[in-house]
Amino acid sequence: MEEGENNKMIVFVYDKTLDGLLSCVFFAYEQKKFPELILSESDPKPLFADERYYVIAEKEKSIRVWKALEKKLSKFAQNMVLSVWLSELPETAMLLFRYIRKNIDHPQGIEMNFGDDDVLRIKDIAQKVGTDARKLIQFIRFQETADGIWFAPVSPRYNVLSLIAPHFRSRYAGQPWIIYDTMRNTGLYYDTRRVQEISFAQEDLAELKSDRLDTGKLSDEEAFFQKMWKEYFQSITIKERINLKLQRQYMPKRYWKYLPEI
């Protein structure tokens, strides 16, 4: 499969959304122009591009591309595509574009062709994103705020809040909660009826990034139990047997920040 047209450097610029990327696929087939690079507006642009196209995200076109993929990909492979998108890695746009194009062009699709570098890379990234989501479910710690909302600041490596939301909506169906990604300044708020996206002002975000919630914002019971839990954790610790290497193996250090016992 050749990229570009007659070896031209073709660049697509899009809005860095999944609908935008799928619209790029639609545009490429419609215009028979296949890019060597897909960039966002803020990305540095190559100096010597032969052709540059600004592709507008159109929901109707993105749905048509996704429906075409559903005919070629298993549900498992479709979920891998979505997981790779959530990785937010710099290579994501072109990797997914190539993968989608190969599956559309091949009569039976290529999702099981592990001799293909793009298939292997898709599988590898999807596994890492899935692992990040599972670890977040294991290590997340809620704190009850003074207004009765259970709050959990997190800083996952990948943008996985949408993957973990169904678990917490089911597990804590009767209580309001917020899970907030401090790296991306976006979170999910569940009011016991529905989950919606929220974001905080920069001054509030700075506090969240520094550590756990200030005790003045916690419920009295939460502040008490955090204090008791920390004292218990310290009392059972045998300093001579501390093995930080083993501790990091079972609980990576990047999850320690929001643990009340640390």
Protein backbone atom coordinates (compact mmCIF):
# COMPACT_ATOMS: atom_id res chain seq x y z
CA MET A 1 0.00 0.00 0.00
CA GLU A 2 1.53 3.29 -1.02
CA GLU A 3 1.15 6.40 1.09
CA GLY A 4 0.57 9.75 -0.56
CA GLU A 5 -0.16 10.28 -4.22
CA ASN A 6 2.77 9.88 -6.64
CA ASN A 7 5.11 10.15 -3.60
CA LYS A 8 3.80 13.60 -2.72
CA MET A 9 3.95 14.78 0.86
CA ILE A 10 0.25 15.09 1.72
CA VAL A 11 -0.73 16.46 5.13
CA PHE A 12 -4.16 16.44 6.76
CA VAL A 13 -4.92 18.88 9.58
CA TYR A 14 -7.83 17.98 11.88
CA ASP A 15 -9.38 18.97 15.22
CA LYS A 16 -7.83 16.13 17.24
CA THR A 17 -11.16 14.40 17.91
CA LEU A 18 -12.14 10.85 17.03
CA ASP A 19 -14.90 12.18 14.77
CA GLY A 20 -12.26 14.34 13.12
CA LEU A 21 -9.97 11.37 12.50
CA LEU A 22 -12.78 9.27 11.03
CA SER A 23 -13.73 12.25 8.87
CA CYS A 24 -10.12 12.24 7.61
CA VAL A 25 -10.62 8.64 6.51
CA PHE A 26 -13.82 9.59 4.68
CA PHE A 27 -12.13 12.59 3.05
CA ALA A 28 -9.16 10.49 1.92
CA TYR A 29 -11.33 7.97 0.07
CA GLU A 30 -13.65 10.64 -1.28
CA GLN A 31 -10.79 12.74 -2.70
CA LYS A 32 -8.40 9.82 -3.30
CA LYS A 33 -5.79 11.71 -1.32
CA PHE A 34 -3.96 9.63 1.27
CA PRO A 35 -1.86 11.48 3.84
CA GLU A 36 1.65 10.87 5.02
CA LEU A 37 0.94 12.94 8.13
CA ILE A 38 -2.19 13.76 10.12
CA LEU A 39 -1.63 16.70 12.46
CA SER A 40 -3.64 18.88 14.80
CA GLU A 41 -3.76 22.64 14.39
CA SER A 42 -1.21 23.08 17.20
CA ASP A 43 1.31 20.55 15.87
CA PRO A 44 4.44 21.81 14.09
CA LYS A 45 3.87 21.63 10.33
CA PRO A 46 6.47 20.28 7.86
CA LEU A 47 8.15 22.95 5.75
CA PHE A 48 7.98 21.05 2.49
CA ALA A 49 4.46 19.60 2.28
CA ASP A 50 3.22 19.33 -1.32
CA GLU A 51 -0.45 19.41 -0.34
CA ARG A 52 -2.18 20.34 2.89
CA TYR A 53 -5.87 19.80 3.62
CA TYR A 54 -7.90 21.02 6.61
CA VAL A 55 -10.47 18.33 7.30
CA ILE A 56 -13.61 19.37 9.17
CA ALA A 57 -15.08 16.86 11.62
CA GLU A 58 -18.51 15.79 10.41
CA LYS A 59 -20.52 13.42 12.56
CA GLU A 60 -22.44 11.87 9.67
CA LYS A 61 -19.24 11.00 7.82
CA SER A 62 -17.51 9.63 10.90
CA ILE A 63 -20.51 7.38 11.59
CA ARG A 64 -20.36 6.04 8.02
CA VAL A 65 -16.68 5.16 8.43
CA TRP A 66 -17.31 3.48 11.78
CA LYS A 67 -20.18 1.44 10.34
CA ALA A 68 -17.87 0.28 7.56
CA LEU A 69 -15.37 -0.79 10.22
CA GLU A 70 -18.01 -2.69 12.16
CA LYS A 71 -18.45 -4.92 9.12
CA LYS A 72 -14.72 -5.73 9.05
CA LEU A 73 -13.69 -5.77 12.72
CA SER A 74 -14.75 -7.91 15.66
CA LYS A 75 -16.09 -6.14 18.74
CA PHE A 76 -12.76 -6.84 20.43
CA ALA A 77 -10.84 -5.11 17.63
CA GLN A 78 -13.27 -2.17 17.68
CA ASN A 79 -12.56 -1.74 21.39
CA MET A 80 -8.82 -1.86 20.67
CA VAL A 81 -9.22 1.01 18.21
CA LEU A 82 -11.03 3.06 20.86
CA SER A 83 -8.38 2.20 23.46
CA VAL A 84 -5.58 3.29 21.14
CA TRP A 85 -7.38 6.58 20.59
CA LEU A 86 -7.54 7.09 24.38
CA SER A 87 -3.77 6.58 24.64
CA GLU A 88 -3.26 10.08 23.19
CA LEU A 89 0.18 9.06 21.94
CA PRO A 90 1.72 11.25 19.19
CA GLU A 91 1.60 8.36 16.72
CA THR A 92 -2.09 7.64 17.29
CA ALA A 93 -3.65 9.50 14.34
CA MET A 94 -1.49 8.00 11.59
CA LEU A 95 -1.38 4.57 13.23
CA LEU A 96 -5.17 4.36 13.38
CA PHE A 97 -5.54 5.81 9.88
CA ARG A 98 -3.26 3.10 8.44
CA TYR A 99 -4.98 0.38 10.45
CA ILE A 100 -8.45 1.51 9.39
CA ARG A 101 -7.40 1.83 5.76
CA LYS A 102 -5.84 -1.64 5.69
CA ASN A 103 -9.00 -3.18 7.14
CA ILE A 104 -11.26 -1.34 4.71
CA ASP A 105 -9.12 -2.24 1.68
CA HIS A 106 -8.58 -5.90 2.60
CA PRO A 107 -11.49 -8.22 1.65
CA GLN A 108 -11.55 -9.93 5.06
CA GLY A 109 -9.80 -7.28 7.15
CA ILE A 110 -6.39 -7.67 8.82
CA GLU A 111 -7.13 -7.66 12.55
CA MET A 112 -5.60 -11.14 13.01
CA ASN A 113 -2.58 -10.51 10.80
CA PHE A 114 0.11 -10.31 13.49
CA GLY A 115 2.79 -10.18 10.83
CA ASP A 116 1.69 -6.59 10.23
CA ASP A 117 3.56 -3.99 12.28
CA ASP A 118 0.49 -1.77 12.67
CA VAL A 119 -1.62 -4.65 13.98
CA LEU A 120 1.06 -5.48 16.55
CA ARG A 121 1.38 -1.85 17.62
CA ILE A 122 -2.41 -1.47 17.95
CA LYS A 123 -2.51 -4.59 20.15
CA ASP A 124 0.42 -3.41 22.27
CA ILE A 125 -1.00 0.07 22.95
CA ALA A 126 -4.50 -1.26 23.63
CA GLN A 127 -3.09 -3.68 26.21
CA LYS A 128 -1.22 -0.87 27.99
CA VAL A 129 -4.32 1.33 28.07
CA GLY A 130 -6.38 -1.56 29.42
CA THR A 131 -3.80 -2.24 32.12
CA ASP A 132 -3.81 1.42 33.12
CA ALA A 133 -7.61 1.35 33.46
CA ARG A 134 -7.57 -1.85 35.55
CA LYS A 135 -4.90 -0.52 37.91
CA LEU A 136 -6.84 2.70 38.35
CA ILE A 137 -9.90 0.68 39.40
CA GLN A 138 -7.76 -1.20 41.94
CA PHE A 139 -5.93 1.76 43.48
CA ILE A 140 -8.44 4.61 43.31
CA ARG A 141 -9.28 6.13 46.71
CA PHE A 142 -12.43 8.16 47.36
CA GLN A 143 -12.61 10.89 49.98
CA GLU A 144 -15.96 12.07 51.35
CA THR A 145 -16.25 15.84 51.07
CA ALA A 146 -18.10 18.13 53.46
CA ASP A 147 -21.04 18.35 51.01
CA GLY A 148 -21.45 14.58 50.81
CA ILE A 149 -19.76 13.88 47.46
CA TRP A 150 -17.18 11.12 47.23
CA PHE A 151 -14.17 12.56 45.44
CA ALA A 152 -11.16 10.80 43.89
CA PRO A 153 -8.33 12.72 42.21
CA VAL A 154 -6.28 10.58 39.81
CA SER A 155 -3.46 11.03 37.32
CA PRO A 156 -3.57 8.08 34.90
CA ARG A 157 -0.97 7.67 32.18
CA TYR A 158 -3.69 7.44 29.54
CA ASN A 159 -7.11 9.07 29.16
CA VAL A 160 -9.05 6.15 30.64
CA LEU A 161 -11.86 7.75 32.68
CA SER A 162 -14.47 6.66 30.13
CA LEU A 163 -13.26 3.05 30.49
CA ILE A 164 -13.60 2.93 34.28
CA ALA A 165 -16.85 4.91 34.59
CA PRO A 166 -19.19 1.88 34.06
CA HIS A 167 -17.49 0.01 36.94
CA PHE A 168 -17.90 2.83 39.44
CA ARG A 169 -21.41 3.68 38.28
CA SER A 170 -22.40 0.10 39.01
CA ARG A 171 -20.31 -0.30 42.18
CA TYR A 172 -21.41 2.99 43.78
CA ALA A 173 -24.82 3.42 42.21
CA GLY A 174 -26.44 5.04 45.24
CA GLN A 175 -23.91 7.73 46.09
CA PRO A 176 -22.67 10.81 44.19
CA TRP A 177 -19.02 10.76 43.19
CA ILE A 178 -16.41 12.60 41.19
CA ILE A 179 -13.37 11.01 39.61
CA TYR A 180 -11.06 13.76 38.46
CA ASP A 181 -8.06 13.49 36.13
CA THR A 182 -5.69 16.20 37.38
CA MET A 183 -3.33 15.77 34.42
CA ARG A 184 -6.00 16.57 31.84
CA ASN A 185 -8.17 18.85 34.00
CA THR A 186 -11.30 16.88 33.27
CA GLY A 187 -13.44 14.59 35.35
CA LEU A 188 -16.65 12.62 35.64
CA TYR A 189 -19.45 13.53 38.05
CA TYR A 190 -22.10 10.95 38.93
CA ASP A 191 -25.19 12.39 40.64
CA THR A 192 -26.82 8.94 41.21
CA ARG A 193 -28.69 9.29 37.91
CA ARG A 194 -26.21 10.01 35.16
CA VAL A 195 -22.50 10.60 34.53
CA GLN A 196 -21.40 13.92 33.07
CA GLU A 197 -18.06 15.56 32.28
CA ILE A 198 -16.84 18.43 34.44
CA SER A 199 -13.74 20.60 34.76
CA PHE A 200 -12.36 22.80 37.54
CA ALA A 201 -10.91 26.30 37.54
CA GLN A 202 -7.11 26.49 37.43
CA GLU A 203 -6.79 27.63 41.05
CA ASP A 204 -8.72 24.56 42.24
CA LEU A 205 -6.71 22.31 39.95
CA ALA A 206 -3.44 23.54 41.49
CA GLU A 207 -4.63 22.36 44.92
CA LEU A 208 -5.62 18.94 43.57
CA LYS A 209 -2.23 18.45 41.92
CA SER A 210 -0.39 19.28 45.13
CA ASP A 211 -1.83 16.40 47.19
CA ARG A 212 -5.07 15.20 48.73
CA LEU A 213 -7.98 17.47 49.58
CA ASP A 214 -7.49 19.96 52.37
CA THR A 215 -8.97 18.60 55.61
CA GLY A 216 -11.32 21.59 55.75
CA LYS A 217 -13.07 20.27 52.63
CA LEU A 218 -13.52 16.76 54.01
CA SER A 219 -16.44 15.54 56.06
CA ASP A 220 -15.65 15.19 59.77
CA GLU A 221 -15.99 11.43 59.53
CA GLU A 222 -13.65 11.22 56.52
CA ALA A 223 -10.97 13.33 58.24
CA PHE A 224 -11.23 11.14 61.34
CA PHE A 225 -10.97 7.86 59.45
CA GLN A 226 -8.05 9.10 57.34
CA LYS A 227 -6.18 10.01 60.52
CA MET A 228 -7.00 6.66 62.14
CA TRP A 229 -6.04 4.71 59.00
CA LYS A 230 -2.70 6.48 58.73
CA GLU A 231 -1.92 5.81 62.39
CA TYR A 232 -2.90 2.14 61.96
CA PHE A 233 -0.77 1.80 58.84
CA GLN A 234 2.22 3.30 60.66
CA SER A 235 1.72 1.12 63.74
CA ILE A 236 1.76 -2.18 61.83
CA THR A 237 4.75 -1.22 59.68
CA ILE A 238 7.95 -3.06 60.59
CA LYS A 239 10.66 -0.65 59.47
CA GLU A 240 13.31 -3.38 59.26
CA ARG A 241 11.17 -5.26 56.73
CA ILE A 242 10.31 -2.37 54.42
CA ASN A 243 10.95 -3.45 50.82
CA LEU A 244 10.25 -0.51 48.55
CA LYS A 245 11.19 -2.47 45.42
CA LEU A 246 8.58 -5.13 46.18
CA GLN A 247 6.05 -2.46 47.18
CA ARG A 248 6.49 -0.67 43.85
CA GLN A 249 6.08 -3.99 42.04
CA TYR A 250 2.59 -4.50 43.46
CA MET A 251 1.60 -0.84 43.58
CA PRO A 252 3.48 1.46 41.15
CA LYS A 253 4.75 4.63 42.77
CA ARG A 254 2.68 6.91 40.54
CA TYR A 255 -0.44 5.71 42.40
CA TRP A 256 0.93 6.59 45.85
CA LYS A 257 0.17 10.30 45.71
CA TYR A 258 -3.52 10.00 46.53
CA LEU A 259 -3.29 7.16 49.07
CA PRO A 260 -4.21 8.37 52.58
CA GLU A 261 -1.77 5.98 54.26
CA ILE A 262 1.32 7.27 52.40
